[in-house]
Amino acid sequence: MKHSDFSEKVRGTVERHGMLEDGDTIIVGLSGGADSTALLCALCDLKTEYNLKLIAAHVNHGIRGAEADSDEAFCKRLAAKLGVQIYAFHIDMPSLAKERGVSEEVAGRDARYEFFSGLAGEHGKIATAHNAQDTAETMLLNLCRGTGLKGLTGIPPVRFVEHKAGCHSDAMVSTMVIRPLIDCTREEIEEYLVSKNQDFVTDSTNLEDEYTRNRIRHNVIPELITINENAVGNIVRCISTLKEDSDLLEKLADELLSSADRGGRYDVATMLGAEKPVLSRAVARLTYDACGKYPEKVHIDKAIDMMNVGRTDQVQVPGGGFIKVGKGEIYAYK
């Protein structure tokens, strides 16, 4: 893909989802791989138009030794070449995963967002290099895990992360995360870099099948492409349709909660007047608002059963919260 065509495609994504405003500060997650290198270059193309302040952020995960150090050095050279300020952060991902009781994938992802959010502060935005294939992989991964409709909508082009305003503050702020490359295929990204004569690095862990996502990337996606060469593009179009349906159901769930709201408790009779897809989302939303975590389908179904039989009862949900039904009302608490 030509340099100008790629830039126009990224600009279209940015405009369609309202990702950028004049004078924005953007923290760009930079690993040195093709995707993040293309992201930084593409945002540099838009820098003057949007009067952007770009800051590159690189995380050295402490698992690849000299290779990781070489990647960090590449990122620093690239940032210097583009005239972009860069910060590098070192973590011991295996130790962090063990300390937090999560997988290395999850520990690394969380550490990256914590670092990016700290740099973004109260007023910046975070840009990550997720592309069309990433969102297709996410859909397939969630499908294998038995997700609902929302989990089939892949990676959102824009989302918000909650974090502390600073190291010495307990105040919580919300930072926008944008994905300007979300409509671009990996082939388009690599063609863009070739057109700019811009090299990149390859993380050796991305070539291994140790991580679940890599198995989907290396084995499932190529097999689907043998069935239909445009499989990734078709999956992305499917995701777009599913997202429209999901957004409508979420909107109806919000309206249901608004009409049933009795000061933080919700009228059961009003709730039961809705179709189950809307009712289920409303129960999930009221639980999340009160407890900070979404309930699983088994908990939602039990809550709806309690509403239907009209008995006073409660069900525990992930994170230590409860959904309670009684006296014609449903509510959640922690």
C-alpha atoms as a PDB file:
ATOM      1  CA  MET A   1       0.000   0.000   0.000  1.00  0.00           C
ATOM      2  CA  LYS A   2       1.323   3.431  -0.949  1.00  0.00           C
ATOM      3  CA  HIS A   3       2.356   5.826   1.805  1.00  0.00           C
ATOM      4  CA  SER A   4      -0.431   8.292   0.917  1.00  0.00           C
ATOM      5  CA  ASP A   5      -3.141   5.596   0.662  1.00  0.00           C
ATOM      6  CA  PHE A   6      -2.229   4.178   4.069  1.00  0.00           C
ATOM      7  CA  SER A   7      -2.234   7.623   5.669  1.00  0.00           C
ATOM      8  CA  GLU A   8      -5.668   8.324   4.201  1.00  0.00           C
ATOM      9  CA  LYS A   9      -7.027   5.013   5.535  1.00  0.00           C
ATOM     10  CA  VAL A  10      -5.703   5.799   9.017  1.00  0.00           C
ATOM     11  CA  ARG A  11      -7.097   9.338   8.810  1.00  0.00           C
ATOM     12  CA  GLY A  12     -10.507   7.892   7.906  1.00  0.00           C
ATOM     13  CA  THR A  13     -10.434   5.598  10.953  1.00  0.00           C
ATOM     14  CA  VAL A  14      -9.395   8.478  13.196  1.00  0.00           C
ATOM     15  CA  GLU A  15     -12.202  10.704  11.923  1.00  0.00           C
ATOM     16  CA  ARG A  16     -14.881   8.001  11.964  1.00  0.00           C
ATOM     17  CA  HIS A  17     -14.280   7.190  15.618  1.00  0.00           C
ATOM     18  CA  GLY A  18     -13.369  10.693  16.837  1.00  0.00           C
ATOM     19  CA  MET A  19      -9.951   9.569  18.041  1.00  0.00           C
ATOM     20  CA  LEU A  20      -8.034  12.844  17.781  1.00  0.00           C
ATOM     21  CA  GLU A  21      -8.643  16.478  18.632  1.00  0.00           C
ATOM     22  CA  ASP A  22      -6.482  19.510  18.021  1.00  0.00           C
ATOM     23  CA  GLY A  23      -3.588  19.727  20.475  1.00  0.00           C
ATOM     24  CA  ASP A  24      -3.861  16.180  21.825  1.00  0.00           C
ATOM     25  CA  THR A  25      -0.993  14.556  23.717  1.00  0.00           C
ATOM     26  CA  ILE A  26      -0.670  10.960  22.517  1.00  0.00           C
ATOM     27  CA  ILE A  27       1.288   8.237  24.311  1.00  0.00           C
ATOM     28  CA  VAL A  28       2.271   5.783  21.585  1.00  0.00           C
ATOM     29  CA  GLY A  29       2.988   2.208  22.681  1.00  0.00           C
ATOM     30  CA  LEU A  30       6.165   1.357  20.753  1.00  0.00           C
ATOM     31  CA  SER A  31       7.600  -2.167  20.745  1.00  0.00           C
ATOM     32  CA  GLY A  32       9.606  -1.717  17.554  1.00  0.00           C
ATOM     33  CA  GLY A  33       7.542  -4.321  15.698  1.00  0.00           C
ATOM     34  CA  ALA A  34       5.940  -3.601  12.340  1.00  0.00           C
ATOM     35  CA  ASP A  35       2.565  -2.580  13.794  1.00  0.00           C
ATOM     36  CA  SER A  36       3.788  -0.105  16.413  1.00  0.00           C
ATOM     37  CA  THR A  37       6.464   1.283  14.084  1.00  0.00           C
ATOM     38  CA  ALA A  38       3.767   1.946  11.470  1.00  0.00           C
ATOM     39  CA  LEU A  39       1.548   3.493  14.156  1.00  0.00           C
ATOM     40  CA  LEU A  40       4.206   5.981  15.231  1.00  0.00           C
ATOM     41  CA  CYS A  41       5.022   6.861  11.617  1.00  0.00           C
ATOM     42  CA  ALA A  42       1.331   7.276  10.731  1.00  0.00           C
ATOM     43  CA  LEU A  43       0.719   9.560  13.701  1.00  0.00           C
ATOM     44  CA  CYS A  44       3.763  11.597  12.678  1.00  0.00           C
ATOM     45  CA  ASP A  45       2.030  12.000   9.297  1.00  0.00           C
ATOM     46  CA  LEU A  46      -0.967  13.472  11.165  1.00  0.00           C
ATOM     47  CA  LYS A  47       1.083  15.447  13.686  1.00  0.00           C
ATOM     48  CA  THR A  48       0.897  18.838  11.967  1.00  0.00           C
ATOM     49  CA  GLU A  49      -2.745  18.505  10.914  1.00  0.00           C
ATOM     50  CA  TYR A  50      -3.896  17.790  14.491  1.00  0.00           C
ATOM     51  CA  ASN A  51      -1.151  19.747  16.282  1.00  0.00           C
ATOM     52  CA  LEU A  52      -0.218  16.586  18.191  1.00  0.00           C
ATOM     53  CA  LYS A  53       2.349  16.122  20.923  1.00  0.00           C
ATOM     54  CA  LEU A  54       3.641  12.574  20.486  1.00  0.00           C
ATOM     55  CA  ILE A  55       5.438  10.618  23.220  1.00  0.00           C
ATOM     56  CA  ALA A  56       6.710   7.096  22.526  1.00  0.00           C
ATOM     57  CA  ALA A  57       6.575   4.552  25.368  1.00  0.00           C
ATOM     58  CA  HIS A  58       8.599   1.343  25.242  1.00  0.00           C
ATOM     59  CA  VAL A  59       8.379  -1.529  27.740  1.00  0.00           C
ATOM     60  CA  ASN A  60      11.278  -3.950  28.159  1.00  0.00           C
ATOM     61  CA  HIS A  61       9.659  -7.062  29.659  1.00  0.00           C
ATOM     62  CA  GLY A  62      12.885  -8.586  30.953  1.00  0.00           C
ATOM     63  CA  ILE A  63      12.460 -11.970  29.248  1.00  0.00           C
ATOM     64  CA  ARG A  64      14.587 -11.842  26.086  1.00  0.00           C
ATOM     65  CA  GLY A  65      17.919 -10.511  27.335  1.00  0.00           C
ATOM     66  CA  ALA A  66      20.116  -8.969  24.639  1.00  0.00           C
ATOM     67  CA  GLU A  67      17.314  -9.187  22.063  1.00  0.00           C
ATOM     68  CA  ALA A  68      15.058  -7.029  24.228  1.00  0.00           C
ATOM     69  CA  ASP A  69      17.866  -4.535  24.776  1.00  0.00           C
ATOM     70  CA  SER A  70      18.392  -4.386  21.011  1.00  0.00           C
ATOM     71  CA  ASP A  71      14.662  -3.705  20.489  1.00  0.00           C
ATOM     72  CA  GLU A  72      14.811  -0.891  23.029  1.00  0.00           C
ATOM     73  CA  ALA A  73      17.810   0.626  21.253  1.00  0.00           C
ATOM     74  CA  PHE A  74      15.921   0.428  17.932  1.00  0.00           C
ATOM     75  CA  CYS A  75      12.927   2.246  19.434  1.00  0.00           C
ATOM     76  CA  LYS A  76      15.167   5.008  20.773  1.00  0.00           C
ATOM     77  CA  ARG A  77      16.807   5.439  17.361  1.00  0.00           C
ATOM     78  CA  LEU A  78      13.423   5.524  15.628  1.00  0.00           C
ATOM     79  CA  ALA A  79      12.066   8.115  18.068  1.00  0.00           C
ATOM     80  CA  ALA A  80      15.173  10.272  17.595  1.00  0.00           C
ATOM     81  CA  LYS A  81      14.838   9.994  13.799  1.00  0.00           C
ATOM     82  CA  LEU A  82      11.189  11.119  13.971  1.00  0.00           C
ATOM     83  CA  GLY A  83      11.833  13.825  16.559  1.00  0.00           C
ATOM     84  CA  VAL A  84       9.622  12.143  19.161  1.00  0.00           C
ATOM     85  CA  GLN A  85      10.309  12.028  22.896  1.00  0.00           C
ATOM     86  CA  ILE A  86      10.582   8.469  24.265  1.00  0.00           C
ATOM     87  CA  TYR A  87      10.420   6.814  27.676  1.00  0.00           C
ATOM     88  CA  ALA A  88      11.557   3.243  28.327  1.00  0.00           C
ATOM     89  CA  PHE A  89      10.289   1.163  31.250  1.00  0.00           C
ATOM     90  CA  HIS A  90      11.847  -2.086  32.490  1.00  0.00           C
ATOM     91  CA  ILE A  91       9.837  -4.821  34.236  1.00  0.00           C
ATOM     92  CA  ASP A  92      10.499  -8.403  35.303  1.00  0.00           C
ATOM     93  CA  MET A  93       7.414  -9.926  33.703  1.00  0.00           C
ATOM     94  CA  PRO A  94       7.835 -13.496  35.048  1.00  0.00           C
ATOM     95  CA  SER A  95       8.196 -12.219  38.617  1.00  0.00           C
ATOM     96  CA  LEU A  96       5.320  -9.778  38.198  1.00  0.00           C
ATOM     97  CA  ALA A  97       3.063 -12.548  36.872  1.00  0.00           C
ATOM     98  CA  LYS A  98       3.925 -14.764  39.821  1.00  0.00           C
ATOM     99  CA  GLU A  99       3.374 -11.936  42.302  1.00  0.00           C
ATOM    100  CA  ARG A 100      -0.049 -11.089  40.860  1.00  0.00           C
ATOM    101  CA  GLY A 101      -1.113 -14.682  40.254  1.00  0.00           C
ATOM    102  CA  VAL A 102      -1.807 -14.163  36.551  1.00  0.00           C
ATOM    103  CA  SER A 103      -0.304 -15.324  33.257  1.00  0.00           C
ATOM    104  CA  GLU A 104       2.727 -13.576  31.813  1.00  0.00           C
ATOM    105  CA  GLU A 105       0.532 -12.312  28.966  1.00  0.00           C
ATOM    106  CA  VAL A 106      -1.864 -10.649  31.399  1.00  0.00           C
ATOM    107  CA  ALA A 107       0.931  -9.305  33.628  1.00  0.00           C
ATOM    108  CA  GLY A 108       2.709  -7.766  30.652  1.00  0.00           C
ATOM    109  CA  ARG A 109      -0.467  -6.199  29.269  1.00  0.00           C
ATOM    110  CA  ASP A 110      -1.432  -4.728  32.638  1.00  0.00           C
ATOM    111  CA  ALA A 111       2.088  -3.370  33.234  1.00  0.00           C
ATOM    112  CA  ARG A 112       2.098  -1.709  29.809  1.00  0.00           C
ATOM    113  CA  TYR A 113      -1.216   0.041  30.401  1.00  0.00           C
ATOM    114  CA  GLU A 114      -0.125   1.147  33.876  1.00  0.00           C
ATOM    115  CA  PHE A 115       3.022   2.684  32.368  1.00  0.00           C
ATOM    116  CA  PHE A 116       1.176   4.281  29.457  1.00  0.00           C
ATOM    117  CA  SER A 117      -1.540   5.647  31.756  1.00  0.00           C
ATOM    118  CA  GLY A 118       1.067   7.149  34.073  1.00  0.00           C
ATOM    119  CA  LEU A 119       2.617   8.997  31.152  1.00  0.00           C
ATOM    120  CA  ALA A 120      -0.778  10.089  29.842  1.00  0.00           C
ATOM    121  CA  GLY A 121      -1.769  11.621  33.184  1.00  0.00           C
ATOM    122  CA  GLU A 122      -5.103  13.389  33.247  1.00  0.00           C
ATOM    123  CA  HIS A 123      -5.091  14.869  29.761  1.00  0.00           C
ATOM    124  CA  GLY A 124      -3.308  12.508  27.372  1.00  0.00           C
ATOM    125  CA  LYS A 125      -4.543   9.653  25.217  1.00  0.00           C
ATOM    126  CA  ILE A 126      -2.935   6.248  24.644  1.00  0.00           C
ATOM    127  CA  ALA A 127      -2.467   4.889  21.122  1.00  0.00           C
ATOM    128  CA  THR A 128      -1.905   1.164  20.606  1.00  0.00           C
ATOM    129  CA  ALA A 129      -1.116  -0.626  17.352  1.00  0.00           C
ATOM    130  CA  HIS A 130      -3.917  -3.205  17.225  1.00  0.00           C
ATOM    131  CA  ASN A 131      -4.909  -3.967  13.638  1.00  0.00           C
ATOM    132  CA  ALA A 132      -7.586  -5.854  11.701  1.00  0.00           C
ATOM    133  CA  GLN A 133      -5.971  -9.260  12.238  1.00  0.00           C
ATOM    134  CA  ASP A 134      -5.675  -8.621  15.974  1.00  0.00           C
ATOM    135  CA  THR A 135      -9.406  -7.985  16.243  1.00  0.00           C
ATOM    136  CA  ALA A 136     -10.151 -11.129  14.198  1.00  0.00           C
ATOM    137  CA  GLU A 137      -7.883 -13.156  16.500  1.00  0.00           C
ATOM    138  CA  THR A 138      -9.636 -11.708  19.553  1.00  0.00           C
ATOM    139  CA  MET A 139     -13.031 -12.714  18.192  1.00  0.00           C
ATOM    140  CA  LEU A 140     -11.855 -16.281  17.587  1.00  0.00           C
ATOM    141  CA  LEU A 141     -10.179 -16.473  20.991  1.00  0.00           C
ATOM    142  CA  ASN A 142     -13.337 -15.253  22.748  1.00  0.00           C
ATOM    143  CA  LEU A 143     -15.461 -17.629  20.692  1.00  0.00           C
ATOM    144  CA  CYS A 144     -13.379 -20.552  21.959  1.00  0.00           C
ATOM    145  CA  ARG A 145     -13.988 -19.332  25.512  1.00  0.00           C
ATOM    146  CA  GLY A 146     -17.772 -19.322  25.086  1.00  0.00           C
ATOM    147  CA  THR A 147     -18.303 -15.577  24.915  1.00  0.00           C
ATOM    148  CA  GLY A 148     -21.542 -13.734  24.332  1.00  0.00           C
ATOM    149  CA  LEU A 149     -22.287 -11.223  21.573  1.00  0.00           C
ATOM    150  CA  LYS A 150     -20.146  -8.448  23.059  1.00  0.00           C
ATOM    151  CA  GLY A 151     -17.084 -10.701  23.125  1.00  0.00           C
ATOM    152  CA  LEU A 152     -17.546 -11.401  19.412  1.00  0.00           C
ATOM    153  CA  THR A 153     -17.083  -7.719  18.541  1.00  0.00           C
ATOM    154  CA  GLY A 154     -13.300  -7.982  18.745  1.00  0.00           C
ATOM    155  CA  ILE A 155     -11.128  -5.094  19.899  1.00  0.00           C
ATOM    156  CA  PRO A 156     -12.943  -1.754  20.210  1.00  0.00           C
ATOM    157  CA  PRO A 157     -11.450   1.121  18.171  1.00  0.00           C
ATOM    158  CA  VAL A 158     -11.763   3.342  21.252  1.00  0.00           C
ATOM    159  CA  ARG A 159     -12.053   2.473  24.911  1.00  0.00           C
ATOM    160  CA  PHE A 160     -11.318   4.063  28.289  1.00  0.00           C
ATOM    161  CA  VAL A 161      -9.094   2.828  31.117  1.00  0.00           C
ATOM    162  CA  GLU A 162      -9.512   3.913  34.727  1.00  0.00           C
ATOM    163  CA  HIS A 163      -6.338   4.698  36.691  1.00  0.00           C
ATOM    164  CA  LYS A 164      -4.944   6.877  39.461  1.00  0.00           C
ATOM    165  CA  ALA A 165      -4.272  10.497  38.569  1.00  0.00           C
ATOM    166  CA  GLY A 166      -0.677  10.162  39.787  1.00  0.00           C
ATOM    167  CA  CYS A 167       1.733   8.301  42.025  1.00  0.00           C
ATOM    168  CA  HIS A 168       0.796  10.431  45.026  1.00  0.00           C
ATOM    169  CA  SER A 169      -2.932  10.659  44.339  1.00  0.00           C
ATOM    170  CA  ASP A 170      -5.813   8.295  45.018  1.00  0.00           C
ATOM    171  CA  ALA A 171      -8.095  10.216  42.659  1.00  0.00           C
ATOM    172  CA  MET A 172      -9.211   8.127  39.673  1.00  0.00           C
ATOM    173  CA  VAL A 173      -9.221   9.447  36.126  1.00  0.00           C
ATOM    174  CA  SER A 174     -10.257   7.935  32.814  1.00  0.00           C
ATOM    175  CA  THR A 175      -7.889   7.838  29.826  1.00  0.00           C
ATOM    176  CA  MET A 176      -8.921   7.232  26.218  1.00  0.00           C
ATOM    177  CA  VAL A 177      -7.193   4.396  24.382  1.00  0.00           C
ATOM    178  CA  ILE A 178      -7.277   4.717  20.589  1.00  0.00           C
ATOM    179  CA  ARG A 179      -6.436   2.168  17.858  1.00  0.00           C
ATOM    180  CA  PRO A 180      -5.807   4.129  14.625  1.00  0.00           C
ATOM    181  CA  LEU A 181      -4.658   0.991  12.742  1.00  0.00           C
ATOM    182  CA  ILE A 182      -7.697  -1.127  13.652  1.00  0.00           C
ATOM    183  CA  ASP A 183      -8.978  -1.149  10.030  1.00  0.00           C
ATOM    184  CA  CYS A 184      -5.567  -1.924   8.504  1.00  0.00           C
ATOM    185  CA  THR A 185      -4.414  -5.423   7.608  1.00  0.00           C
ATOM    186  CA  ARG A 186      -0.941  -6.671   8.464  1.00  0.00           C
ATOM    187  CA  GLU A 187      -0.121  -6.770   4.745  1.00  0.00           C
ATOM    188  CA  GLU A 188      -1.071  -3.100   4.359  1.00  0.00           C
ATOM    189  CA  ILE A 189       1.061  -2.199   7.366  1.00  0.00           C
ATOM    190  CA  GLU A 190       4.133  -3.950   5.994  1.00  0.00           C
ATOM    191  CA  GLU A 191       3.605  -2.454   2.528  1.00  0.00           C
ATOM    192  CA  TYR A 192       3.402   1.005   4.105  1.00  0.00           C
ATOM    193  CA  LEU A 193       6.700   0.499   5.904  1.00  0.00           C
ATOM    194  CA  VAL A 194       8.336  -0.700   2.688  1.00  0.00           C
ATOM    195  CA  SER A 195       7.057   2.410   0.886  1.00  0.00           C
ATOM    196  CA  LYS A 196       8.729   4.525   3.577  1.00  0.00           C
ATOM    197  CA  ASN A 197      11.903   2.409   3.539  1.00  0.00           C
ATOM    198  CA  GLN A 198      11.366   1.938   7.269  1.00  0.00           C
ATOM    199  CA  ASP A 199      12.665  -1.198   8.963  1.00  0.00           C
ATOM    200  CA  PHE A 200      11.317  -2.783  12.169  1.00  0.00           C
ATOM    201  CA  VAL A 201      12.175  -5.543  14.620  1.00  0.00           C
ATOM    202  CA  THR A 202      10.604  -8.962  15.190  1.00  0.00           C
ATOM    203  CA  ASP A 203       9.953 -10.167  18.734  1.00  0.00           C
ATOM    204  CA  SER A 204      11.023 -13.826  18.812  1.00  0.00           C
ATOM    205  CA  THR A 205       8.234 -14.663  21.297  1.00  0.00           C
ATOM    206  CA  ASN A 206       5.729 -13.744  18.573  1.00  0.00           C
ATOM    207  CA  LEU A 207       7.067 -16.668  16.560  1.00  0.00           C
ATOM    208  CA  GLU A 208       6.404 -19.201  19.315  1.00  0.00           C
ATOM    209  CA  ASP A 209       3.164 -21.080  19.989  1.00  0.00           C
ATOM    210  CA  GLU A 210       3.499 -20.926  23.782  1.00  0.00           C
ATOM    211  CA  TYR A 211       0.848 -18.226  24.024  1.00  0.00           C
ATOM    212  CA  THR A 212      -2.765 -18.976  23.035  1.00  0.00           C
ATOM    213  CA  ARG A 213      -3.067 -15.968  20.730  1.00  0.00           C
ATOM    214  CA  ASN A 214       0.066 -17.025  18.853  1.00  0.00           C
ATOM    215  CA  ARG A 215      -1.449 -20.471  18.204  1.00  0.00           C
ATOM    216  CA  ILE A 216      -4.480 -18.797  16.659  1.00  0.00           C
ATOM    217  CA  ARG A 217      -2.220 -16.444  14.666  1.00  0.00           C
ATOM    218  CA  HIS A 218       0.110 -19.145  13.349  1.00  0.00           C
ATOM    219  CA  ASN A 219      -2.261 -22.069  12.929  1.00  0.00           C
ATOM    220  CA  VAL A 220      -5.941 -21.082  12.848  1.00  0.00           C
ATOM    221  CA  ILE A 221      -5.819 -17.894  10.766  1.00  0.00           C
ATOM    222  CA  PRO A 222      -3.626 -19.424   7.999  1.00  0.00           C
ATOM    223  CA  GLU A 223      -5.954 -22.434   7.792  1.00  0.00           C
ATOM    224  CA  LEU A 224      -8.966 -20.121   7.447  1.00  0.00           C
ATOM    225  CA  ILE A 225      -7.170 -18.245   4.679  1.00  0.00           C
ATOM    226  CA  THR A 226      -6.777 -21.503   2.762  1.00  0.00           C
ATOM    227  CA  ILE A 227     -10.578 -21.773   2.865  1.00  0.00           C
ATOM    228  CA  ASN A 228     -11.091 -18.132   1.853  1.00  0.00           C
ATOM    229  CA  GLU A 229      -8.178 -15.856   1.048  1.00  0.00           C
ATOM    230  CA  ASN A 230     -10.075 -12.860   2.436  1.00  0.00           C
ATOM    231  CA  ALA A 231     -11.031 -14.641   5.669  1.00  0.00           C
ATOM    232  CA  VAL A 232      -9.611 -11.914   7.928  1.00  0.00           C
ATOM    233  CA  GLY A 233     -11.416  -9.148   6.050  1.00  0.00           C
ATOM    234  CA  ASN A 234     -14.663 -11.110   6.130  1.00  0.00           C
ATOM    235  CA  ILE A 235     -14.334 -11.733   9.873  1.00  0.00           C
ATOM    236  CA  VAL A 236     -13.739  -8.018  10.446  1.00  0.00           C
ATOM    237  CA  ARG A 237     -16.880  -7.155   8.455  1.00  0.00           C
ATOM    238  CA  CYS A 238     -18.818  -9.674  10.533  1.00  0.00           C
ATOM    239  CA  ILE A 239     -17.455  -8.038  13.677  1.00  0.00           C
ATOM    240  CA  SER A 240     -18.686  -4.647  12.454  1.00  0.00           C
ATOM    241  CA  THR A 241     -22.218  -6.019  11.997  1.00  0.00           C
ATOM    242  CA  LEU A 242     -22.177  -7.764  15.370  1.00  0.00           C
ATOM    243  CA  LYS A 243     -20.995  -4.553  17.035  1.00  0.00           C
ATOM    244  CA  GLU A 244     -23.962  -2.648  15.625  1.00  0.00           C
ATOM    245  CA  ASP A 245     -26.316  -5.286  17.053  1.00  0.00           C
ATOM    246  CA  SER A 246     -24.491  -5.306  20.391  1.00  0.00           C
ATOM    247  CA  ASP A 247     -24.561  -1.501  20.637  1.00  0.00           C
ATOM    248  CA  LEU A 248     -28.326  -1.486  20.041  1.00  0.00           C
ATOM    249  CA  LEU A 249     -28.943  -4.084  22.761  1.00  0.00           C
ATOM    250  CA  GLU A 250     -26.730  -2.141  25.184  1.00  0.00           C
ATOM    251  CA  LYS A 251     -28.682   1.042  24.407  1.00  0.00           C
ATOM    252  CA  LEU A 252     -31.990  -0.747  25.091  1.00  0.00           C
ATOM    253  CA  ALA A 253     -30.548  -2.124  28.339  1.00  0.00           C
ATOM    254  CA  ASP A 254     -29.597   1.390  29.429  1.00  0.00           C
ATOM    255  CA  GLU A 255     -33.124   2.604  28.680  1.00  0.00           C
ATOM    256  CA  LEU A 256     -34.587  -0.311  30.644  1.00  0.00           C
ATOM    257  CA  LEU A 257     -32.444   0.470  33.686  1.00  0.00           C
ATOM    258  CA  SER A 258     -33.406   4.135  33.483  1.00  0.00           C
ATOM    259  CA  SER A 259     -37.125   3.324  33.455  1.00  0.00           C
ATOM    260  CA  ALA A 260     -36.815   0.719  36.242  1.00  0.00           C
ATOM    261  CA  ASP A 261     -34.514   2.748  38.507  1.00  0.00           C
ATOM    262  CA  ARG A 262     -35.842   3.297  42.027  1.00  0.00           C
ATOM    263  CA  GLY A 263     -32.792   5.015  43.474  1.00  0.00           C
ATOM    264  CA  GLY A 264     -30.160   2.341  42.871  1.00  0.00           C
ATOM    265  CA  ARG A 265     -32.663  -0.505  43.112  1.00  0.00           C
ATOM    266  CA  TYR A 266     -34.631  -1.626  40.095  1.00  0.00           C
ATOM    267  CA  ASP A 267     -38.314  -2.525  39.757  1.00  0.00           C
ATOM    268  CA  VAL A 268     -38.611  -6.233  38.937  1.00  0.00           C
ATOM    269  CA  ALA A 269     -41.940  -5.897  37.123  1.00  0.00           C
ATOM    270  CA  THR A 270     -40.495  -3.258  34.780  1.00  0.00           C
ATOM    271  CA  MET A 271     -37.363  -5.306  34.208  1.00  0.00           C
ATOM    272  CA  LEU A 272     -39.330  -8.456  33.358  1.00  0.00           C
ATOM    273  CA  GLY A 273     -41.239  -6.534  30.685  1.00  0.00           C
ATOM    274  CA  ALA A 274     -38.123  -6.632  28.500  1.00  0.00           C
ATOM    275  CA  GLU A 275     -36.973  -9.400  26.190  1.00  0.00           C
ATOM    276  CA  LYS A 276     -34.293 -11.641  27.684  1.00  0.00           C
ATOM    277  CA  PRO A 277     -31.352 -10.307  25.576  1.00  0.00           C
ATOM    278  CA  VAL A 278     -32.075  -6.813  26.885  1.00  0.00           C
ATOM    279  CA  LEU A 279     -32.885  -7.980  30.433  1.00  0.00           C
ATOM    280  CA  SER A 280     -29.650  -9.994  30.645  1.00  0.00           C
ATOM    281  CA  ARG A 281     -27.585  -6.975  29.654  1.00  0.00           C
ATOM    282  CA  ALA A 282     -29.423  -4.782  32.137  1.00  0.00           C
ATOM    283  CA  VAL A 283     -28.673  -7.230  34.981  1.00  0.00           C
ATOM    284  CA  ALA A 284     -25.050  -7.383  33.899  1.00  0.00           C
ATOM    285  CA  ARG A 285     -24.798  -3.587  33.774  1.00  0.00           C
ATOM    286  CA  LEU A 286     -26.372  -2.929  37.193  1.00  0.00           C
ATOM    287  CA  THR A 287     -24.036  -5.529  38.677  1.00  0.00           C
ATOM    288  CA  TYR A 288     -20.970  -3.973  37.081  1.00  0.00           C
ATOM    289  CA  ASP A 289     -21.974  -0.488  38.224  1.00  0.00           C
ATOM    290  CA  ALA A 290     -22.292  -1.682  41.833  1.00  0.00           C
ATOM    291  CA  CYS A 291     -19.493  -4.253  42.032  1.00  0.00           C
ATOM    292  CA  GLY A 292     -16.945  -3.243  39.400  1.00  0.00           C
ATOM    293  CA  LYS A 293     -17.069  -6.618  37.624  1.00  0.00           C
ATOM    294  CA  TYR A 294     -19.436  -8.191  35.146  1.00  0.00           C
ATOM    295  CA  PRO A 295     -21.289 -11.347  36.278  1.00  0.00           C
ATOM    296  CA  GLU A 296     -21.024 -14.557  34.294  1.00  0.00           C
ATOM    297  CA  LYS A 297     -23.978 -15.946  32.347  1.00  0.00           C
ATOM    298  CA  VAL A 298     -24.781 -18.503  35.058  1.00  0.00           C
ATOM    299  CA  HIS A 299     -25.179 -15.690  37.615  1.00  0.00           C
ATOM    300  CA  ILE A 300     -27.336 -13.590  35.283  1.00  0.00           C
ATOM    301  CA  ASP A 301     -29.606 -16.565  34.544  1.00  0.00           C
ATOM    302  CA  LYS A 302     -29.996 -17.336  38.249  1.00  0.00           C
ATOM    303  CA  ALA A 303     -30.870 -13.717  38.997  1.00  0.00           C
ATOM    304  CA  ILE A 304     -33.512 -13.762  36.273  1.00  0.00           C
ATOM    305  CA  ASP A 305     -34.929 -17.027  37.656  1.00  0.00           C
ATOM    306  CA  MET A 306     -35.200 -15.376  41.095  1.00  0.00           C
ATOM    307  CA  MET A 307     -37.027 -12.450  39.524  1.00  0.00           C
ATOM    308  CA  ASN A 308     -39.449 -14.739  37.694  1.00  0.00           C
ATOM    309  CA  VAL A 309     -40.420 -16.772  40.789  1.00  0.00           C
ATOM    310  CA  GLY A 310     -40.545 -13.670  42.981  1.00  0.00           C
ATOM    311  CA  ARG A 311     -38.582 -15.070  45.884  1.00  0.00           C
ATOM    312  CA  THR A 312     -36.136 -13.208  48.114  1.00  0.00           C
ATOM    313  CA  ASP A 313     -32.693 -14.588  47.366  1.00  0.00           C
ATOM    314  CA  GLN A 314     -29.238 -13.578  46.233  1.00  0.00           C
ATOM    315  CA  VAL A 315     -26.384 -14.904  44.113  1.00  0.00           C
ATOM    316  CA  GLN A 316     -22.692 -14.213  44.595  1.00  0.00           C
ATOM    317  CA  VAL A 317     -20.817 -12.876  41.573  1.00  0.00           C
ATOM    318  CA  PRO A 318     -17.081 -12.619  40.729  1.00  0.00           C
ATOM    319  CA  GLY A 319     -15.185 -10.148  42.877  1.00  0.00           C
ATOM    320  CA  GLY A 320     -17.171 -10.805  46.053  1.00  0.00           C
ATOM    321  CA  GLY A 321     -20.338  -8.916  45.098  1.00  0.00           C
ATOM    322  CA  PHE A 322     -23.959 -10.059  45.206  1.00  0.00           C
ATOM    323  CA  ILE A 323     -27.109  -9.675  43.129  1.00  0.00           C
ATOM    324  CA  LYS A 324     -30.143  -9.607  45.401  1.00  0.00           C
ATOM    325  CA  VAL A 325     -33.836  -9.909  44.573  1.00  0.00           C
ATOM    326  CA  GLY A 326     -36.563  -9.120  47.092  1.00  0.00           C
ATOM    327  CA  LYS A 327     -39.672  -7.021  47.707  1.00  0.00           C
ATOM    328  CA  GLY A 328     -40.185  -6.503  43.993  1.00  0.00           C
ATOM    329  CA  GLU A 329     -36.705  -5.072  43.447  1.00  0.00           C
ATOM    330  CA  ILE A 330     -33.331  -6.215  42.144  1.00  0.00           C
ATOM    331  CA  TYR A 331     -30.020  -4.616  43.028  1.00  0.00           C
ATOM    332  CA  ALA A 332     -26.339  -5.447  43.417  1.00  0.00           C
ATOM    333  CA  TYR A 333     -23.955  -4.645  46.235  1.00  0.00           C
ATOM    334  CA  LYS A 334     -20.467  -5.408  47.466  1.00  0.00           C
END
